[in-house]
Amino acid sequence: MFMVNCGVRQGGILSPLFFNLYVDDLIIALQTSGLGCYVRNTFFGCMMYADDLILISPTISGAQKMLNICSLFGSMNDIVFNPDKTVCMAVANTKHITGTLYTVFHKKLYPFIFVYKK
């Protein structure tokens, strides 16, 4: 038997429920910010599965603001987002993007990976 000093017990039957209750305020903060994507007035700006989070924004500046909300929430609630698992991707319909675009998360620069659609 081991003690859990932070987080939730891995594999515990109530762990998913406790984690969902813990991060529900983050989802609410993102939704009420007015940022992110909406489909027929339904918020699709973030999706979570277990402890993975995807942010979806129609603009790069909106994505940065959503990252700022996550960073602030993490600081206030002792949540550490893993920078080694953080990726920023932009989907564009043109290959004429000049320069490299970066976003800032936890005081670190992340380049955007561009995916071009036809």
C-alpha atoms as a PDB file:
ATOM      1  CA  MET A   1       0.000   0.000   0.000  1.00  0.00           C
ATOM      2  CA  PHE A   2       1.252   3.493  -0.795  1.00  0.00           C
ATOM      3  CA  MET A   3       0.067   6.970   0.119  1.00  0.00           C
ATOM      4  CA  VAL A   4      -1.139   9.446  -2.500  1.00  0.00           C
ATOM      5  CA  ASN A   5       0.105  12.912  -1.527  1.00  0.00           C
ATOM      6  CA  CYS A   6      -1.135  14.720  -4.637  1.00  0.00           C
ATOM      7  CA  GLY A   7      -3.266  14.008  -7.666  1.00  0.00           C
ATOM      8  CA  VAL A   8      -5.549  11.016  -7.814  1.00  0.00           C
ATOM      9  CA  ARG A   9      -4.740   7.346  -7.364  1.00  0.00           C
ATOM     10  CA  GLN A  10      -3.783   5.720 -10.673  1.00  0.00           C
ATOM     11  CA  GLY A  11      -6.398   3.077 -11.472  1.00  0.00           C
ATOM     12  CA  GLY A  12      -8.613   4.015  -8.537  1.00  0.00           C
ATOM     13  CA  ILE A  13     -12.316   3.458  -9.170  1.00  0.00           C
ATOM     14  CA  LEU A  14     -13.197   7.042  -8.159  1.00  0.00           C
ATOM     15  CA  SER A  15     -10.104   8.666  -9.703  1.00  0.00           C
ATOM     16  CA  PRO A  16     -11.766   9.664 -13.011  1.00  0.00           C
ATOM     17  CA  LEU A  17     -14.687  11.249 -11.149  1.00  0.00           C
ATOM     18  CA  PHE A  18     -12.398  13.183  -8.789  1.00  0.00           C
ATOM     19  CA  PHE A  19     -10.228  14.377 -11.687  1.00  0.00           C
ATOM     20  CA  ASN A  20     -13.303  15.497 -13.665  1.00  0.00           C
ATOM     21  CA  LEU A  21     -14.583  17.461 -10.688  1.00  0.00           C
ATOM     22  CA  TYR A  22     -11.147  19.023 -10.259  1.00  0.00           C
ATOM     23  CA  VAL A  23     -10.778  20.225 -13.854  1.00  0.00           C
ATOM     24  CA  ASP A  24     -14.431  21.113 -14.471  1.00  0.00           C
ATOM     25  CA  ASP A  25     -13.689  24.726 -13.500  1.00  0.00           C
ATOM     26  CA  LEU A  26     -11.038  24.891 -16.245  1.00  0.00           C
ATOM     27  CA  ILE A  27     -13.570  23.820 -18.867  1.00  0.00           C
ATOM     28  CA  ILE A  28     -16.057  26.377 -17.532  1.00  0.00           C
ATOM     29  CA  ALA A  29     -13.403  29.116 -17.618  1.00  0.00           C
ATOM     30  CA  LEU A  30     -12.555  28.288 -21.234  1.00  0.00           C
ATOM     31  CA  GLN A  31     -16.221  28.160 -22.236  1.00  0.00           C
ATOM     32  CA  THR A  32     -17.184  31.437 -20.565  1.00  0.00           C
ATOM     33  CA  SER A  33     -14.178  33.236 -22.065  1.00  0.00           C
ATOM     34  CA  GLY A  34     -15.966  33.386 -25.428  1.00  0.00           C
ATOM     35  CA  LEU A  35     -12.889  31.884 -27.078  1.00  0.00           C
ATOM     36  CA  GLY A  36     -12.619  28.598 -28.898  1.00  0.00           C
ATOM     37  CA  CYS A  37     -14.851  26.948 -31.473  1.00  0.00           C
ATOM     38  CA  TYR A  38     -18.612  26.643 -31.388  1.00  0.00           C
ATOM     39  CA  VAL A  39     -20.874  24.467 -33.500  1.00  0.00           C
ATOM     40  CA  ARG A  40     -24.509  25.603 -33.442  1.00  0.00           C
ATOM     41  CA  ASN A  41     -23.942  27.415 -30.150  1.00  0.00           C
ATOM     42  CA  THR A  42     -22.331  24.347 -28.561  1.00  0.00           C
ATOM     43  CA  PHE A  43     -18.822  24.856 -27.187  1.00  0.00           C
ATOM     44  CA  PHE A  44     -16.164  22.660 -28.782  1.00  0.00           C
ATOM     45  CA  GLY A  45     -13.168  24.775 -27.757  1.00  0.00           C
ATOM     46  CA  CYS A  46     -11.666  22.075 -25.577  1.00  0.00           C
ATOM     47  CA  MET A  47     -11.885  18.331 -25.396  1.00  0.00           C
ATOM     48  CA  MET A  48     -10.580  16.158 -22.610  1.00  0.00           C
ATOM     49  CA  TYR A  49      -9.948  12.455 -22.331  1.00  0.00           C
ATOM     50  CA  ALA A  50      -8.458  11.277 -19.047  1.00  0.00           C
ATOM     51  CA  ASP A  51      -5.701  13.820 -18.389  1.00  0.00           C
ATOM     52  CA  ASP A  52      -5.212  14.876 -22.029  1.00  0.00           C
ATOM     53  CA  LEU A  53      -6.511  18.260 -23.161  1.00  0.00           C
ATOM     54  CA  ILE A  54      -7.025  19.584 -26.689  1.00  0.00           C
ATOM     55  CA  LEU A  55      -7.736  23.281 -27.239  1.00  0.00           C
ATOM     56  CA  ILE A  56      -9.434  24.278 -30.501  1.00  0.00           C
ATOM     57  CA  SER A  57      -9.516  27.877 -31.675  1.00  0.00           C
ATOM     58  CA  PRO A  58     -10.293  29.489 -35.035  1.00  0.00           C
ATOM     59  CA  THR A  59      -7.396  31.933 -34.557  1.00  0.00           C
ATOM     60  CA  ILE A  60      -3.841  31.736 -33.289  1.00  0.00           C
ATOM     61  CA  SER A  61      -4.407  34.718 -30.990  1.00  0.00           C
ATOM     62  CA  GLY A  62      -7.453  32.951 -29.536  1.00  0.00           C
ATOM     63  CA  ALA A  63      -5.377  29.818 -28.969  1.00  0.00           C
ATOM     64  CA  GLN A  64      -2.795  31.909 -27.104  1.00  0.00           C
ATOM     65  CA  LYS A  65      -5.505  33.390 -24.874  1.00  0.00           C
ATOM     66  CA  MET A  66      -6.853  29.907 -24.153  1.00  0.00           C
ATOM     67  CA  LEU A  67      -3.330  28.741 -23.238  1.00  0.00           C
ATOM     68  CA  ASN A  68      -3.072  31.741 -20.902  1.00  0.00           C
ATOM     69  CA  ILE A  69      -6.318  30.657 -19.193  1.00  0.00           C
ATOM     70  CA  CYS A  70      -4.938  27.111 -18.777  1.00  0.00           C
ATOM     71  CA  SER A  71      -1.645  28.430 -17.426  1.00  0.00           C
ATOM     72  CA  LEU A  72      -3.394  30.652 -14.876  1.00  0.00           C
ATOM     73  CA  PHE A  73      -5.737  27.843 -13.844  1.00  0.00           C
ATOM     74  CA  GLY A  74      -2.771  25.498 -13.433  1.00  0.00           C
ATOM     75  CA  SER A  75      -0.931  28.022 -11.266  1.00  0.00           C
ATOM     76  CA  MET A  76      -3.967  28.605  -9.072  1.00  0.00           C
ATOM     77  CA  ASN A  77      -4.807  24.895  -8.696  1.00  0.00           C
ATOM     78  CA  ASP A  78      -1.377  23.248  -8.543  1.00  0.00           C
ATOM     79  CA  ILE A  79      -1.754  21.569 -11.936  1.00  0.00           C
ATOM     80  CA  VAL A  80       1.437  21.078 -13.916  1.00  0.00           C
ATOM     81  CA  PHE A  81       1.043  20.790 -17.675  1.00  0.00           C
ATOM     82  CA  ASN A  82       3.808  18.682 -19.200  1.00  0.00           C
ATOM     83  CA  PRO A  83       5.757  20.895 -21.633  1.00  0.00           C
ATOM     84  CA  ASP A  84       7.306  17.833 -23.290  1.00  0.00           C
ATOM     85  CA  LYS A  85       3.823  16.709 -24.376  1.00  0.00           C
ATOM     86  CA  THR A  86       2.679  20.151 -25.570  1.00  0.00           C
ATOM     87  CA  VAL A  87       2.244  20.729 -29.309  1.00  0.00           C
ATOM     88  CA  CYS A  88       0.638  23.619 -31.182  1.00  0.00           C
ATOM     89  CA  MET A  89      -0.832  22.918 -34.601  1.00  0.00           C
ATOM     90  CA  ALA A  90      -2.460  25.239 -37.113  1.00  0.00           C
ATOM     91  CA  VAL A  91      -4.533  24.136 -40.078  1.00  0.00           C
ATOM     92  CA  ALA A  92      -4.374  26.523 -43.030  1.00  0.00           C
ATOM     93  CA  ASN A  93      -5.609  26.554 -46.592  1.00  0.00           C
ATOM     94  CA  THR A  94      -2.489  28.231 -47.916  1.00  0.00           C
ATOM     95  CA  LYS A  95       1.209  27.468 -47.866  1.00  0.00           C
ATOM     96  CA  HIS A  96       2.058  31.161 -47.967  1.00  0.00           C
ATOM     97  CA  ILE A  97       2.738  31.585 -44.257  1.00  0.00           C
ATOM     98  CA  THR A  98       5.832  33.717 -43.791  1.00  0.00           C
ATOM     99  CA  GLY A  99       8.149  33.184 -40.859  1.00  0.00           C
ATOM    100  CA  THR A 100       7.627  30.902 -37.894  1.00  0.00           C
ATOM    101  CA  LEU A 101       4.765  31.464 -35.499  1.00  0.00           C
ATOM    102  CA  TYR A 102       5.256  30.719 -31.829  1.00  0.00           C
ATOM    103  CA  THR A 103       3.030  30.579 -28.794  1.00  0.00           C
ATOM    104  CA  VAL A 104       4.053  30.970 -25.167  1.00  0.00           C
ATOM    105  CA  PHE A 105       3.059  28.464 -22.490  1.00  0.00           C
ATOM    106  CA  HIS A 106       4.655  28.335 -19.050  1.00  0.00           C
ATOM    107  CA  LYS A 107       7.324  30.830 -20.167  1.00  0.00           C
ATOM    108  CA  LYS A 108       8.452  28.548 -22.998  1.00  0.00           C
ATOM    109  CA  LEU A 109       8.124  29.143 -26.741  1.00  0.00           C
ATOM    110  CA  TYR A 110       6.389  26.496 -28.840  1.00  0.00           C
ATOM    111  CA  PRO A 111       6.484  26.681 -32.632  1.00  0.00           C
ATOM    112  CA  PHE A 112       3.286  26.032 -34.515  1.00  0.00           C
ATOM    113  CA  ILE A 113       3.212  22.978 -36.759  1.00  0.00           C
ATOM    114  CA  PHE A 114       1.261  23.844 -39.907  1.00  0.00           C
ATOM    115  CA  VAL A 115      -0.980  21.374 -41.702  1.00  0.00           C
ATOM    116  CA  TYR A 116      -2.219  22.498 -45.097  1.00  0.00           C
ATOM    117  CA  LYS A 117      -5.570  21.454 -46.430  1.00  0.00           C
ATOM    118  CA  LYS A 118      -6.636  21.636 -50.071  1.00  0.00           C
END
